[in-house]
Amino acid sequence: MRADTQYFESLTAPRKLERRTLVFRDKLTNEQPKKTAPALVFRQSTHPLPYFAHHQLDPQYFPLDIGQPCGGPIVDNRGATADNQAWDDEDSDAAADLESEAEDDLNAEGSHGKPKRRRKFDSAKMANAGDIKKMKIQGGRPAVAKKVTADLDSDDEMIVRMKEARFLEKDIAQALIDQGRTAYNPKTIGTRWRRIKAALQKRQDDLLDADLTDWHEGDDDVLLQAVIKTEKEVKRLKDDIESKKWRMPVVNFSQNACRDRYEALQHGCAKPTPESIENPNPEILERIRSRKEKERKIREGNQMAELEQKNVEANGWTSRMRTYF
C-alpha cells in the first residue's frame, strides 16, 4: 500500500523545468529575427468602424486612397492591355467576325486615316458552334402549321402515294427527310393522311353534285367488290358481338347453355323446372334441397359481407388492416 502511494505521489509531483537550447536549421534561435507582437489597444476607438463591406468609411479618419487599387493592368508595347488581348484571341464570339463590310469600313478609318487590317474569318469556330446544338430531327425542313386542302403539294402527294402503296409511317417520314422535304414526326403522318383523304372525298362529292365528274367504267365493279368485302367484315363483327352477349351474364352456366335456354324460352319448348313438377320423385326432391342449401349459404355469405362493409365504414379499419410493428 505504501508503494502505491509513493508511485502516485511521484506522478503528481511538480517536475523541474530544464532549460534547453533550440536549434532551427542548424542555427540558434537567438540569431533568428524576432517579431514583436502588436501593441494592445485597451481603449475603444472614437471613430466607428464599418461592420459590413458595403458601409462607407469615415473620410475624416481613414485616408482617401485606402480603397484604391495598388497597381494597374499590364500594358504591352502596342498599347493594348493583356486582358483585352486575351479576350480578342480566345473569347471572341464567332458572330463578331460576320459584321458587314460597310460597318468595317466605317470603323476602320481612324483619326490618321489609316485603315485597320481586317481579321481573318475562322470557319472552324462556326463549325464547332454548330456541333454543340443538337437537333431533334436531322435533315429535312422543319414542320410548320400547314392547312390541309384538296390541292396537294409535293409533300402531301408523296404521303398519299406511299400510303396507298401501304408503306409504314416511319418509312414515309424517313423518305421525306431523305429527299429534303418536310420532316414530319412519324406519329403525325397517319393523322395528316386521314385529313387529306377526307378533303379529297369532299372535293369529289362536290364535283359529283355539280356534274363535273361521273362514275366511269370499272368503278362499279370495284364498288361491288368493296361492298361484298365490307359485308363479310360486318357479319364477323356481329358474330363477335353476339357471342359476347352470352358471355356477359354472371351465371353458373356456359354461353351455349344460356343461348339454348333463351331460345327454348322464346319458342315455348323449355324444359320445366324441378320446383314446378307436381309429384316429384326422391331424386328431384334431393336436387331441390341441394339447390336451397346452396342459396342459403350464398345469402349468409352476402349478409356477412354487408356487415363487414358496414363495420369498415363505421370504424374505418378492421383486424386485417392493422399494422403490427
C-alpha atoms as a PDB file:
ATOM      1  CA  MET A   1       0.000   0.000   0.000  1.00  0.00           C
ATOM      2  CA  ARG A   2       2.896   2.317   0.748  1.00  0.00           C
ATOM      3  CA  ALA A   3       4.483   1.600  -2.638  1.00  0.00           C
ATOM      4  CA  ASP A   4       1.312   2.557  -4.437  1.00  0.00           C
ATOM      5  CA  THR A   5       1.140   5.854  -2.578  1.00  0.00           C
ATOM      6  CA  GLN A   6       4.706   6.703  -3.433  1.00  0.00           C
ATOM      7  CA  TYR A   7       4.132   5.911  -7.090  1.00  0.00           C
ATOM      8  CA  PHE A   8       1.077   8.153  -7.197  1.00  0.00           C
ATOM      9  CA  GLU A   9       2.942  10.991  -5.476  1.00  0.00           C
ATOM     10  CA  SER A  10       5.794  10.681  -7.962  1.00  0.00           C
ATOM     11  CA  LEU A  11       3.367  11.086 -10.827  1.00  0.00           C
ATOM     12  CA  THR A  12       1.589  14.092  -9.378  1.00  0.00           C
ATOM     13  CA  ALA A  13       4.680  15.872  -8.074  1.00  0.00           C
ATOM     14  CA  PRO A  14       5.756  19.039  -9.980  1.00  0.00           C
ATOM     15  CA  ARG A  15       8.568  18.433 -12.411  1.00  0.00           C
ATOM     16  CA  LYS A  16      11.705  20.522 -12.655  1.00  0.00           C
ATOM     17  CA  LEU A  17      11.925  22.592 -15.807  1.00  0.00           C
ATOM     18  CA  GLU A  18      15.041  22.071 -17.861  1.00  0.00           C
ATOM     19  CA  ARG A  19      16.398  24.878 -19.999  1.00  0.00           C
ATOM     20  CA  ARG A  20      17.366  23.610 -23.487  1.00  0.00           C
ATOM     21  CA  THR A  21      18.852  25.441 -26.447  1.00  0.00           C
ATOM     22  CA  LEU A  22      16.573  25.335 -29.518  1.00  0.00           C
ATOM     23  CA  VAL A  23      18.202  24.872 -32.899  1.00  0.00           C
ATOM     24  CA  PHE A  24      16.333  25.634 -36.144  1.00  0.00           C
ATOM     25  CA  ARG A  25      18.023  24.578 -39.398  1.00  0.00           C
ATOM     26  CA  ASP A  26      21.447  24.356 -37.790  1.00  0.00           C
ATOM     27  CA  LYS A  27      21.034  27.882 -36.422  1.00  0.00           C
ATOM     28  CA  LEU A  28      20.353  29.052 -32.938  1.00  0.00           C
ATOM     29  CA  THR A  29      17.012  30.649 -32.325  1.00  0.00           C
ATOM     30  CA  ASN A  30      18.678  33.743 -30.922  1.00  0.00           C
ATOM     31  CA  GLU A  31      20.109  34.503 -34.367  1.00  0.00           C
ATOM     32  CA  GLN A  32      16.658  34.463 -35.998  1.00  0.00           C
ATOM     33  CA  PRO A  33      14.859  37.805 -36.251  1.00  0.00           C
ATOM     34  CA  LYS A  34      12.230  38.157 -33.612  1.00  0.00           C
ATOM     35  CA  LYS A  35       8.778  39.519 -34.432  1.00  0.00           C
ATOM     36  CA  THR A  36       7.254  41.599 -31.735  1.00  0.00           C
ATOM     37  CA  ALA A  37       3.566  41.343 -31.037  1.00  0.00           C
ATOM     38  CA  PRO A  38       1.483  44.395 -31.883  1.00  0.00           C
ATOM     39  CA  ALA A  39       0.621  46.695 -29.082  1.00  0.00           C
ATOM     40  CA  LEU A  40      -2.701  46.029 -27.455  1.00  0.00           C
ATOM     41  CA  VAL A  41      -5.329  48.724 -27.563  1.00  0.00           C
ATOM     42  CA  PHE A  42      -7.173  48.957 -24.256  1.00  0.00           C
ATOM     43  CA  ARG A  43      -9.456  51.812 -25.258  1.00  0.00           C
ATOM     44  CA  GLN A  44     -12.378  51.974 -27.667  1.00  0.00           C
ATOM     45  CA  SER A  45     -11.903  53.858 -30.914  1.00  0.00           C
ATOM     46  CA  THR A  46     -13.742  57.151 -31.183  1.00  0.00           C
ATOM     47  CA  HIS A  47     -14.391  56.571 -34.902  1.00  0.00           C
ATOM     48  CA  PRO A  48     -16.948  53.858 -35.710  1.00  0.00           C
ATOM     49  CA  LEU A  49     -15.576  51.046 -37.810  1.00  0.00           C
ATOM     50  CA  PRO A  50     -17.725  49.639 -40.654  1.00  0.00           C
ATOM     51  CA  TYR A  51     -19.416  46.335 -39.870  1.00  0.00           C
ATOM     52  CA  PHE A  52     -20.363  45.358 -43.423  1.00  0.00           C
ATOM     53  CA  ALA A  53     -18.252  45.623 -46.557  1.00  0.00           C
ATOM     54  CA  HIS A  54     -20.653  47.992 -48.284  1.00  0.00           C
ATOM     55  CA  HIS A  55     -20.581  50.542 -45.462  1.00  0.00           C
ATOM     56  CA  GLN A  56     -18.724  53.755 -46.244  1.00  0.00           C
ATOM     57  CA  LEU A  57     -15.535  54.629 -44.387  1.00  0.00           C
ATOM     58  CA  ASP A  58     -15.177  57.848 -42.453  1.00  0.00           C
ATOM     59  CA  PRO A  59     -13.135  60.154 -44.775  1.00  0.00           C
ATOM     60  CA  GLN A  60     -12.015  62.292 -41.812  1.00  0.00           C
ATOM     61  CA  TYR A  61     -10.289  59.340 -40.141  1.00  0.00           C
ATOM     62  CA  PHE A  62      -9.283  56.992 -42.984  1.00  0.00           C
ATOM     63  CA  PRO A  63      -7.060  58.122 -45.899  1.00  0.00           C
ATOM     64  CA  LEU A  64      -8.789  58.722 -49.228  1.00  0.00           C
ATOM     65  CA  ASP A  65      -6.621  56.244 -51.158  1.00  0.00           C
ATOM     66  CA  ILE A  66      -7.301  53.290 -48.867  1.00  0.00           C
ATOM     67  CA  GLY A  67      -9.708  51.721 -51.328  1.00  0.00           C
ATOM     68  CA  GLN A  68      -7.684  52.419 -54.485  1.00  0.00           C
ATOM     69  CA  PRO A  69      -6.012  49.520 -56.369  1.00  0.00           C
ATOM     70  CA  CYS A  70      -2.318  49.008 -55.752  1.00  0.00           C
ATOM     71  CA  GLY A  71      -1.440  48.659 -59.447  1.00  0.00           C
ATOM     72  CA  GLY A  72      -2.859  48.982 -62.948  1.00  0.00           C
ATOM     73  CA  PRO A  73      -3.344  46.497 -65.786  1.00  0.00           C
ATOM     74  CA  ILE A  74      -0.357  45.174 -67.680  1.00  0.00           C
ATOM     75  CA  VAL A  75       0.172  47.124 -70.913  1.00  0.00           C
ATOM     76  CA  ASP A  76       2.197  45.709 -73.812  1.00  0.00           C
ATOM     77  CA  ASN A  77       4.246  47.669 -76.335  1.00  0.00           C
ATOM     78  CA  ARG A  78       1.294  48.064 -78.708  1.00  0.00           C
ATOM     79  CA  GLY A  79      -0.786  49.835 -76.075  1.00  0.00           C
ATOM     80  CA  ALA A  80      -3.346  47.068 -75.595  1.00  0.00           C
ATOM     81  CA  THR A  81      -3.932  45.528 -72.222  1.00  0.00           C
ATOM     82  CA  ALA A  82      -3.279  41.849 -71.638  1.00  0.00           C
ATOM     83  CA  ASP A  83      -6.865  41.197 -70.615  1.00  0.00           C
ATOM     84  CA  ASN A  84      -8.264  42.729 -73.773  1.00  0.00           C
ATOM     85  CA  GLN A  85      -5.736  40.847 -75.904  1.00  0.00           C
ATOM     86  CA  ALA A  86      -6.706  37.546 -74.295  1.00  0.00           C
ATOM     87  CA  TRP A  87     -10.361  38.372 -74.841  1.00  0.00           C
ATOM     88  CA  ASP A  88      -9.779  39.139 -78.521  1.00  0.00           C
ATOM     89  CA  ASP A  89      -7.761  35.978 -79.094  1.00  0.00           C
ATOM     90  CA  GLU A  90      -9.721  33.362 -77.158  1.00  0.00           C
ATOM     91  CA  ASP A  91     -13.161  34.516 -76.022  1.00  0.00           C
ATOM     92  CA  SER A  92     -14.364  36.434 -79.060  1.00  0.00           C
ATOM     93  CA  ASP A  93     -17.669  35.236 -80.454  1.00  0.00           C
ATOM     94  CA  ALA A  94     -17.813  33.953 -83.997  1.00  0.00           C
ATOM     95  CA  ALA A  95     -20.728  36.259 -84.682  1.00  0.00           C
ATOM     96  CA  ALA A  96     -18.428  39.294 -84.281  1.00  0.00           C
ATOM     97  CA  ASP A  97     -16.463  38.124 -87.338  1.00  0.00           C
ATOM     98  CA  LEU A  98     -19.577  38.265 -89.535  1.00  0.00           C
ATOM     99  CA  GLU A  99     -20.059  42.056 -89.488  1.00  0.00           C
ATOM    100  CA  SER A 100     -20.967  43.797 -92.688  1.00  0.00           C
ATOM    101  CA  GLU A 101     -18.246  45.308 -94.868  1.00  0.00           C
ATOM    102  CA  ALA A 102     -19.802  48.740 -94.650  1.00  0.00           C
ATOM    103  CA  GLU A 103     -19.565  48.779 -90.878  1.00  0.00           C
ATOM    104  CA  ASP A 104     -15.966  47.566 -91.036  1.00  0.00           C
ATOM    105  CA  ASP A 105     -15.046  50.329 -93.469  1.00  0.00           C
ATOM    106  CA  LEU A 106     -16.577  52.985 -91.241  1.00  0.00           C
ATOM    107  CA  ASN A 107     -14.810  51.756 -88.144  1.00  0.00           C
ATOM    108  CA  ALA A 108     -11.519  51.062 -89.903  1.00  0.00           C
ATOM    109  CA  GLU A 109     -10.577  54.704 -90.603  1.00  0.00           C
ATOM    110  CA  GLY A 110      -9.182  56.377 -87.522  1.00  0.00           C
ATOM    111  CA  SER A 111      -8.011  59.903 -86.870  1.00  0.00           C
ATOM    112  CA  HIS A 112      -4.906  59.362 -89.082  1.00  0.00           C
ATOM    113  CA  GLY A 113      -6.926  57.870 -91.929  1.00  0.00           C
ATOM    114  CA  LYS A 114      -5.061  54.532 -91.851  1.00  0.00           C
ATOM    115  CA  PRO A 115      -7.381  51.557 -92.414  1.00  0.00           C
ATOM    116  CA  LYS A 116      -7.103  48.738 -89.919  1.00  0.00           C
ATOM    117  CA  ARG A 117      -6.356  45.247 -91.086  1.00  0.00           C
ATOM    118  CA  ARG A 118      -9.425  43.058 -91.145  1.00  0.00           C
ATOM    119  CA  ARG A 119      -9.264  39.952 -89.032  1.00  0.00           C
ATOM    120  CA  LYS A 120      -9.297  36.668 -90.894  1.00  0.00           C
ATOM    121  CA  PHE A 121     -12.545  34.713 -90.693  1.00  0.00           C
ATOM    122  CA  ASP A 122     -12.221  31.458 -88.813  1.00  0.00           C
ATOM    123  CA  SER A 123     -14.766  28.962 -90.104  1.00  0.00           C
ATOM    124  CA  ALA A 124     -13.734  26.338 -87.543  1.00  0.00           C
ATOM    125  CA  LYS A 125     -15.390  28.332 -84.767  1.00  0.00           C
ATOM    126  CA  MET A 126     -18.679  28.367 -86.617  1.00  0.00           C
ATOM    127  CA  ALA A 127     -18.454  24.629 -87.261  1.00  0.00           C
ATOM    128  CA  ASN A 128     -17.748  23.899 -83.615  1.00  0.00           C
ATOM    129  CA  ALA A 129     -20.626  26.116 -82.550  1.00  0.00           C
ATOM    130  CA  GLY A 130     -22.950  24.192 -84.864  1.00  0.00           C
ATOM    131  CA  ASP A 131     -21.855  20.853 -83.434  1.00  0.00           C
ATOM    132  CA  ILE A 132     -22.847  21.914 -79.932  1.00  0.00           C
ATOM    133  CA  LYS A 133     -26.526  22.351 -80.837  1.00  0.00           C
ATOM    134  CA  LYS A 134     -28.282  19.005 -81.070  1.00  0.00           C
ATOM    135  CA  MET A 135     -31.179  18.996 -83.495  1.00  0.00           C
ATOM    136  CA  LYS A 136     -34.173  16.815 -82.700  1.00  0.00           C
ATOM    137  CA  ILE A 137     -34.632  15.778 -86.332  1.00  0.00           C
ATOM    138  CA  GLN A 138     -31.587  15.604 -88.583  1.00  0.00           C
ATOM    139  CA  GLY A 139     -32.257  16.713 -92.158  1.00  0.00           C
ATOM    140  CA  GLY A 140     -35.318  17.996 -93.928  1.00  0.00           C
ATOM    141  CA  ARG A 141     -37.244  21.196 -93.425  1.00  0.00           C
ATOM    142  CA  PRO A 142     -38.846  21.934 -90.053  1.00  0.00           C
ATOM    143  CA  ALA A 143     -42.523  21.044 -89.841  1.00  0.00           C
ATOM    144  CA  VAL A 144     -44.762  24.106 -89.664  1.00  0.00           C
ATOM    145  CA  ALA A 145     -48.534  24.507 -89.490  1.00  0.00           C
ATOM    146  CA  LYS A 146     -49.932  23.866 -92.957  1.00  0.00           C
ATOM    147  CA  LYS A 147     -53.623  23.752 -93.836  1.00  0.00           C
ATOM    148  CA  VAL A 148     -54.902  20.512 -95.352  1.00  0.00           C
ATOM    149  CA  THR A 149     -56.728  21.105 -98.648  1.00  0.00           C
ATOM    150  CA  ALA A 150     -57.606  19.081-101.724  1.00  0.00           C
ATOM    151  CA  ASP A 151     -54.934  20.982-103.668  1.00  0.00           C
ATOM    152  CA  LEU A 152     -51.978  18.828-102.657  1.00  0.00           C
ATOM    153  CA  ASP A 153     -48.408  19.991-102.716  1.00  0.00           C
ATOM    154  CA  SER A 154     -45.447  17.734-103.459  1.00  0.00           C
ATOM    155  CA  ASP A 155     -45.103  16.587 -99.830  1.00  0.00           C
ATOM    156  CA  ASP A 156     -48.781  15.639 -99.493  1.00  0.00           C
ATOM    157  CA  GLU A 157     -48.728  13.895-102.871  1.00  0.00           C
ATOM    158  CA  MET A 158     -45.817  11.778-101.699  1.00  0.00           C
ATOM    159  CA  ILE A 159     -47.679  10.911 -98.483  1.00  0.00           C
ATOM    160  CA  VAL A 160     -50.798   9.882-100.445  1.00  0.00           C
ATOM    161  CA  ARG A 161     -48.803   7.821-102.943  1.00  0.00           C
ATOM    162  CA  MET A 162     -46.840   5.936-100.270  1.00  0.00           C
ATOM    163  CA  LYS A 163     -49.911   5.431 -98.072  1.00  0.00           C
ATOM    164  CA  GLU A 164     -51.825   3.890-100.965  1.00  0.00           C
ATOM    165  CA  ALA A 165     -48.810   1.617-101.505  1.00  0.00           C
ATOM    166  CA  ARG A 166     -49.137   0.534 -97.817  1.00  0.00           C
ATOM    167  CA  PHE A 167     -45.811   1.929 -96.612  1.00  0.00           C
ATOM    168  CA  LEU A 168     -45.242   2.288 -92.876  1.00  0.00           C
ATOM    169  CA  GLU A 169     -45.474   5.745 -91.339  1.00  0.00           C
ATOM    170  CA  LYS A 170     -41.868   5.722 -90.165  1.00  0.00           C
ATOM    171  CA  ASP A 171     -40.715   4.829 -93.701  1.00  0.00           C
ATOM    172  CA  ILE A 172     -42.761   7.693 -95.149  1.00  0.00           C
ATOM    173  CA  ALA A 173     -41.273  10.170 -92.655  1.00  0.00           C
ATOM    174  CA  GLN A 174     -37.743   8.959 -93.415  1.00  0.00           C
ATOM    175  CA  ALA A 175     -38.334   9.205 -97.172  1.00  0.00           C
ATOM    176  CA  LEU A 176     -39.466  12.822 -96.788  1.00  0.00           C
ATOM    177  CA  ILE A 177     -36.335  13.644 -94.790  1.00  0.00           C
ATOM    178  CA  ASP A 178     -34.025  11.902 -97.269  1.00  0.00           C
ATOM    179  CA  GLN A 179     -35.411  13.984-100.133  1.00  0.00           C
ATOM    180  CA  GLY A 180     -35.053  17.242 -98.177  1.00  0.00           C
ATOM    181  CA  ARG A 181     -38.784  17.673 -97.668  1.00  0.00           C
ATOM    182  CA  THR A 182     -40.767  18.500 -94.524  1.00  0.00           C
ATOM    183  CA  ALA A 183     -39.535  16.478 -91.537  1.00  0.00           C
ATOM    184  CA  TYR A 184     -42.832  15.213 -90.141  1.00  0.00           C
ATOM    185  CA  ASN A 185     -42.998  13.178 -86.973  1.00  0.00           C
ATOM    186  CA  PRO A 186     -43.977   9.578 -87.842  1.00  0.00           C
ATOM    187  CA  LYS A 187     -46.915   9.835 -85.432  1.00  0.00           C
ATOM    188  CA  THR A 188     -48.431  12.726 -87.415  1.00  0.00           C
ATOM    189  CA  ILE A 189     -48.247  11.011 -90.813  1.00  0.00           C
ATOM    190  CA  GLY A 190     -51.367   8.909 -90.179  1.00  0.00           C
ATOM    191  CA  THR A 191     -53.369  11.878 -88.897  1.00  0.00           C
ATOM    192  CA  ARG A 192     -52.410  14.002 -91.874  1.00  0.00           C
ATOM    193  CA  TRP A 193     -53.276  11.143 -94.258  1.00  0.00           C
ATOM    194  CA  ARG A 194     -56.792  10.840 -92.820  1.00  0.00           C
ATOM    195  CA  ARG A 195     -57.362  14.588 -93.117  1.00  0.00           C
ATOM    196  CA  ILE A 196     -56.078  14.605 -96.699  1.00  0.00           C
ATOM    197  CA  LYS A 197     -58.340  11.672 -97.616  1.00  0.00           C
ATOM    198  CA  ALA A 198     -61.381  13.430 -96.110  1.00  0.00           C
ATOM    199  CA  ALA A 199     -60.565  16.607 -98.071  1.00  0.00           C
ATOM    200  CA  LEU A 200     -60.219  14.636-101.331  1.00  0.00           C
ATOM    201  CA  GLN A 201     -63.518  12.831-100.761  1.00  0.00           C
ATOM    202  CA  LYS A 202     -65.305  16.113-100.066  1.00  0.00           C
ATOM    203  CA  ARG A 203     -63.881  17.588-103.273  1.00  0.00           C
ATOM    204  CA  GLN A 204     -65.092  14.544-105.218  1.00  0.00           C
ATOM    205  CA  ASP A 205     -68.602  14.833-103.738  1.00  0.00           C
ATOM    206  CA  ASP A 206     -68.762  18.495-104.734  1.00  0.00           C
ATOM    207  CA  LEU A 207     -67.729  17.607-108.282  1.00  0.00           C
ATOM    208  CA  LEU A 208     -70.421  14.900-108.484  1.00  0.00           C
ATOM    209  CA  ASP A 209     -73.112  17.298-107.280  1.00  0.00           C
ATOM    210  CA  ALA A 210     -72.032  19.871-109.853  1.00  0.00           C
ATOM    211  CA  ASP A 211     -71.977  17.233-112.669  1.00  0.00           C
ATOM    212  CA  LEU A 212     -68.303  17.953-113.231  1.00  0.00           C
ATOM    213  CA  THR A 213     -67.338  14.292-112.866  1.00  0.00           C
ATOM    214  CA  ASP A 214     -69.031  10.894-113.025  1.00  0.00           C
ATOM    215  CA  TRP A 215     -68.634   7.185-112.366  1.00  0.00           C
ATOM    216  CA  HIS A 216     -66.505   5.685-115.123  1.00  0.00           C
ATOM    217  CA  GLU A 217     -66.286   2.171-116.500  1.00  0.00           C
ATOM    218  CA  GLY A 218     -64.786  -0.248-113.994  1.00  0.00           C
ATOM    219  CA  ASP A 219     -65.731   1.846-110.941  1.00  0.00           C
ATOM    220  CA  ASP A 220     -68.954  -0.135-110.452  1.00  0.00           C
ATOM    221  CA  ASP A 221     -67.080  -3.448-110.267  1.00  0.00           C
ATOM    222  CA  VAL A 222     -64.716  -2.035-107.666  1.00  0.00           C
ATOM    223  CA  LEU A 223     -67.708  -0.735-105.698  1.00  0.00           C
ATOM    224  CA  LEU A 224     -69.448  -4.139-105.686  1.00  0.00           C
ATOM    225  CA  GLN A 225     -66.296  -5.928-104.543  1.00  0.00           C
ATOM    226  CA  ALA A 226     -65.799  -3.387-101.775  1.00  0.00           C
ATOM    227  CA  VAL A 227     -69.400  -3.816-100.585  1.00  0.00           C
ATOM    228  CA  ILE A 228     -69.085  -7.636-100.521  1.00  0.00           C
ATOM    229  CA  LYS A 229     -65.866  -7.394 -98.527  1.00  0.00           C
ATOM    230  CA  THR A 230     -67.456  -4.920 -96.134  1.00  0.00           C
ATOM    231  CA  GLU A 231     -70.492  -7.163 -95.582  1.00  0.00           C
ATOM    232  CA  LYS A 232     -68.219 -10.049 -94.607  1.00  0.00           C
ATOM    233  CA  GLU A 233     -66.408  -7.838 -92.127  1.00  0.00           C
ATOM    234  CA  VAL A 234     -69.699  -6.545 -90.680  1.00  0.00           C
ATOM    235  CA  LYS A 235     -71.009 -10.115 -90.309  1.00  0.00           C
ATOM    236  CA  ARG A 236     -67.844 -11.128 -88.476  1.00  0.00           C
ATOM    237  CA  LEU A 237     -68.196  -8.184 -86.110  1.00  0.00           C
ATOM    238  CA  LYS A 238     -71.861  -9.023 -85.479  1.00  0.00           C
ATOM    239  CA  ASP A 239     -70.971 -12.628 -84.637  1.00  0.00           C
ATOM    240  CA  ASP A 240     -68.315 -11.426 -82.187  1.00  0.00           C
ATOM    241  CA  ILE A 241     -70.809  -9.096 -80.510  1.00  0.00           C
ATOM    242  CA  GLU A 242     -73.467 -11.833 -80.424  1.00  0.00           C
ATOM    243  CA  SER A 243     -71.089 -14.297 -78.771  1.00  0.00           C
ATOM    244  CA  LYS A 244     -70.032 -11.644 -76.304  1.00  0.00           C
ATOM    245  CA  LYS A 245     -73.685 -11.127 -75.327  1.00  0.00           C
ATOM    246  CA  TRP A 246     -73.879 -14.650 -73.903  1.00  0.00           C
ATOM    247  CA  ARG A 247     -70.556 -14.327 -72.073  1.00  0.00           C
ATOM    248  CA  MET A 248     -71.604 -11.199 -70.204  1.00  0.00           C
ATOM    249  CA  PRO A 249     -74.308 -12.676 -67.841  1.00  0.00           C
ATOM    250  CA  VAL A 250     -72.772 -13.645 -64.483  1.00  0.00           C
ATOM    251  CA  VAL A 251     -74.286 -17.123 -64.023  1.00  0.00           C
ATOM    252  CA  ASN A 252     -73.017 -20.652 -63.438  1.00  0.00           C
ATOM    253  CA  PHE A 253     -73.906 -21.824 -66.948  1.00  0.00           C
ATOM    254  CA  SER A 254     -71.861 -21.656 -70.129  1.00  0.00           C
ATOM    255  CA  GLN A 255     -72.641 -19.355 -73.040  1.00  0.00           C
ATOM    256  CA  ASN A 256     -74.003 -22.259 -75.095  1.00  0.00           C
ATOM    257  CA  ALA A 257     -76.350 -23.291 -72.287  1.00  0.00           C
ATOM    258  CA  CYS A 258     -77.550 -19.702 -71.875  1.00  0.00           C
ATOM    259  CA  ARG A 259     -78.210 -19.366 -75.603  1.00  0.00           C
ATOM    260  CA  ASP A 260     -80.090 -22.693 -75.820  1.00  0.00           C
ATOM    261  CA  ARG A 261     -82.221 -21.905 -72.767  1.00  0.00           C
ATOM    262  CA  TYR A 262     -83.093 -18.440 -74.075  1.00  0.00           C
ATOM    263  CA  GLU A 263     -84.069 -19.767 -77.489  1.00  0.00           C
ATOM    264  CA  ALA A 264     -86.187 -22.508 -75.860  1.00  0.00           C
ATOM    265  CA  LEU A 265     -87.984 -19.928 -73.733  1.00  0.00           C
ATOM    266  CA  GLN A 266     -88.653 -17.816 -76.804  1.00  0.00           C
ATOM    267  CA  HIS A 267     -90.099 -20.805 -78.696  1.00  0.00           C
ATOM    268  CA  GLY A 268     -92.068 -22.129 -75.682  1.00  0.00           C
ATOM    269  CA  CYS A 269     -90.365 -25.525 -75.579  1.00  0.00           C
ATOM    270  CA  ALA A 270     -88.218 -25.045 -72.484  1.00  0.00           C
ATOM    271  CA  LYS A 271     -87.837 -27.912 -70.003  1.00  0.00           C
ATOM    272  CA  PRO A 272     -89.886 -27.356 -66.803  1.00  0.00           C
ATOM    273  CA  THR A 273     -88.047 -26.571 -63.570  1.00  0.00           C
ATOM    274  CA  PRO A 274     -87.942 -29.196 -60.775  1.00  0.00           C
ATOM    275  CA  GLU A 275     -89.986 -26.944 -58.472  1.00  0.00           C
ATOM    276  CA  SER A 276     -92.861 -26.845 -60.988  1.00  0.00           C
ATOM    277  CA  ILE A 277     -93.336 -30.641 -61.021  1.00  0.00           C
ATOM    278  CA  GLU A 278     -96.444 -31.709 -59.070  1.00  0.00           C
ATOM    279  CA  ASN A 279     -95.338 -35.134 -57.838  1.00  0.00           C
ATOM    280  CA  PRO A 280     -91.523 -35.127 -57.798  1.00  0.00           C
ATOM    281  CA  ASN A 281     -89.579 -38.299 -57.131  1.00  0.00           C
ATOM    282  CA  PRO A 282     -86.878 -38.561 -54.417  1.00  0.00           C
ATOM    283  CA  GLU A 283     -84.116 -37.675 -56.872  1.00  0.00           C
ATOM    284  CA  ILE A 284     -85.843 -34.429 -57.850  1.00  0.00           C
ATOM    285  CA  LEU A 285     -86.511 -33.631 -54.180  1.00  0.00           C
ATOM    286  CA  GLU A 286     -82.804 -34.084 -53.441  1.00  0.00           C
ATOM    287  CA  ARG A 287     -81.937 -31.654 -56.230  1.00  0.00           C
ATOM    288  CA  ILE A 288     -84.397 -29.108 -54.831  1.00  0.00           C
ATOM    289  CA  ARG A 289     -82.985 -29.488 -51.304  1.00  0.00           C
ATOM    290  CA  SER A 290     -79.382 -29.145 -52.555  1.00  0.00           C
ATOM    291  CA  ARG A 291     -80.299 -26.016 -54.510  1.00  0.00           C
ATOM    292  CA  LYS A 292     -81.971 -24.407 -51.496  1.00  0.00           C
ATOM    293  CA  GLU A 293     -78.951 -25.234 -49.310  1.00  0.00           C
ATOM    294  CA  LYS A 294     -76.618 -23.531 -51.791  1.00  0.00           C
ATOM    295  CA  GLU A 295     -78.882 -20.476 -51.940  1.00  0.00           C
ATOM    296  CA  ARG A 296     -78.924 -20.275 -48.121  1.00  0.00           C
ATOM    297  CA  LYS A 297     -75.115 -20.315 -47.946  1.00  0.00           C
ATOM    298  CA  ILE A 298     -74.935 -17.627 -50.605  1.00  0.00           C
ATOM    299  CA  ARG A 299     -77.360 -15.417 -48.661  1.00  0.00           C
ATOM    300  CA  GLU A 300     -75.371 -15.885 -45.431  1.00  0.00           C
ATOM    301  CA  GLY A 301     -72.158 -15.002 -47.232  1.00  0.00           C
ATOM    302  CA  ASN A 302     -73.743 -11.872 -48.663  1.00  0.00           C
ATOM    303  CA  GLN A 303     -75.032 -10.852 -45.225  1.00  0.00           C
ATOM    304  CA  MET A 304     -71.575 -11.296 -43.668  1.00  0.00           C
ATOM    305  CA  ALA A 305     -70.046  -9.248 -46.460  1.00  0.00           C
ATOM    306  CA  GLU A 306     -72.583  -6.466 -45.904  1.00  0.00           C
ATOM    307  CA  LEU A 307     -71.937  -6.467 -42.125  1.00  0.00           C
ATOM    308  CA  GLU A 308     -68.182  -6.331 -42.684  1.00  0.00           C
ATOM    309  CA  GLN A 309     -68.609  -3.451 -45.106  1.00  0.00           C
ATOM    310  CA  LYS A 310     -70.716  -1.551 -42.583  1.00  0.00           C
ATOM    311  CA  ASN A 311     -68.100  -2.232 -39.896  1.00  0.00           C
ATOM    312  CA  VAL A 312     -65.372  -0.853 -42.147  1.00  0.00           C
ATOM    313  CA  GLU A 313     -67.401   2.253 -42.919  1.00  0.00           C
ATOM    314  CA  ALA A 314     -68.186   2.829 -39.214  1.00  0.00           C
ATOM    315  CA  ASN A 315     -64.780   2.120 -37.671  1.00  0.00           C
ATOM    316  CA  GLY A 316     -62.535   2.848 -40.613  1.00  0.00           C
ATOM    317  CA  TRP A 317     -60.418  -0.259 -40.052  1.00  0.00           C
ATOM    318  CA  THR A 318     -60.620  -3.988 -39.359  1.00  0.00           C
ATOM    319  CA  SER A 319     -58.273  -6.522 -37.860  1.00  0.00           C
ATOM    320  CA  ARG A 320     -56.957  -7.351 -41.331  1.00  0.00           C
ATOM    321  CA  MET A 321     -55.994  -3.733 -41.882  1.00  0.00           C
ATOM    322  CA  ARG A 322     -53.925  -3.397 -38.705  1.00  0.00           C
ATOM    323  CA  THR A 323     -50.211  -2.733 -38.945  1.00  0.00           C
ATOM    324  CA  TYR A 324     -48.001  -4.531 -36.429  1.00  0.00           C
ATOM    325  CA  PHE A 325     -44.507  -3.233 -35.735  1.00  0.00           C
END
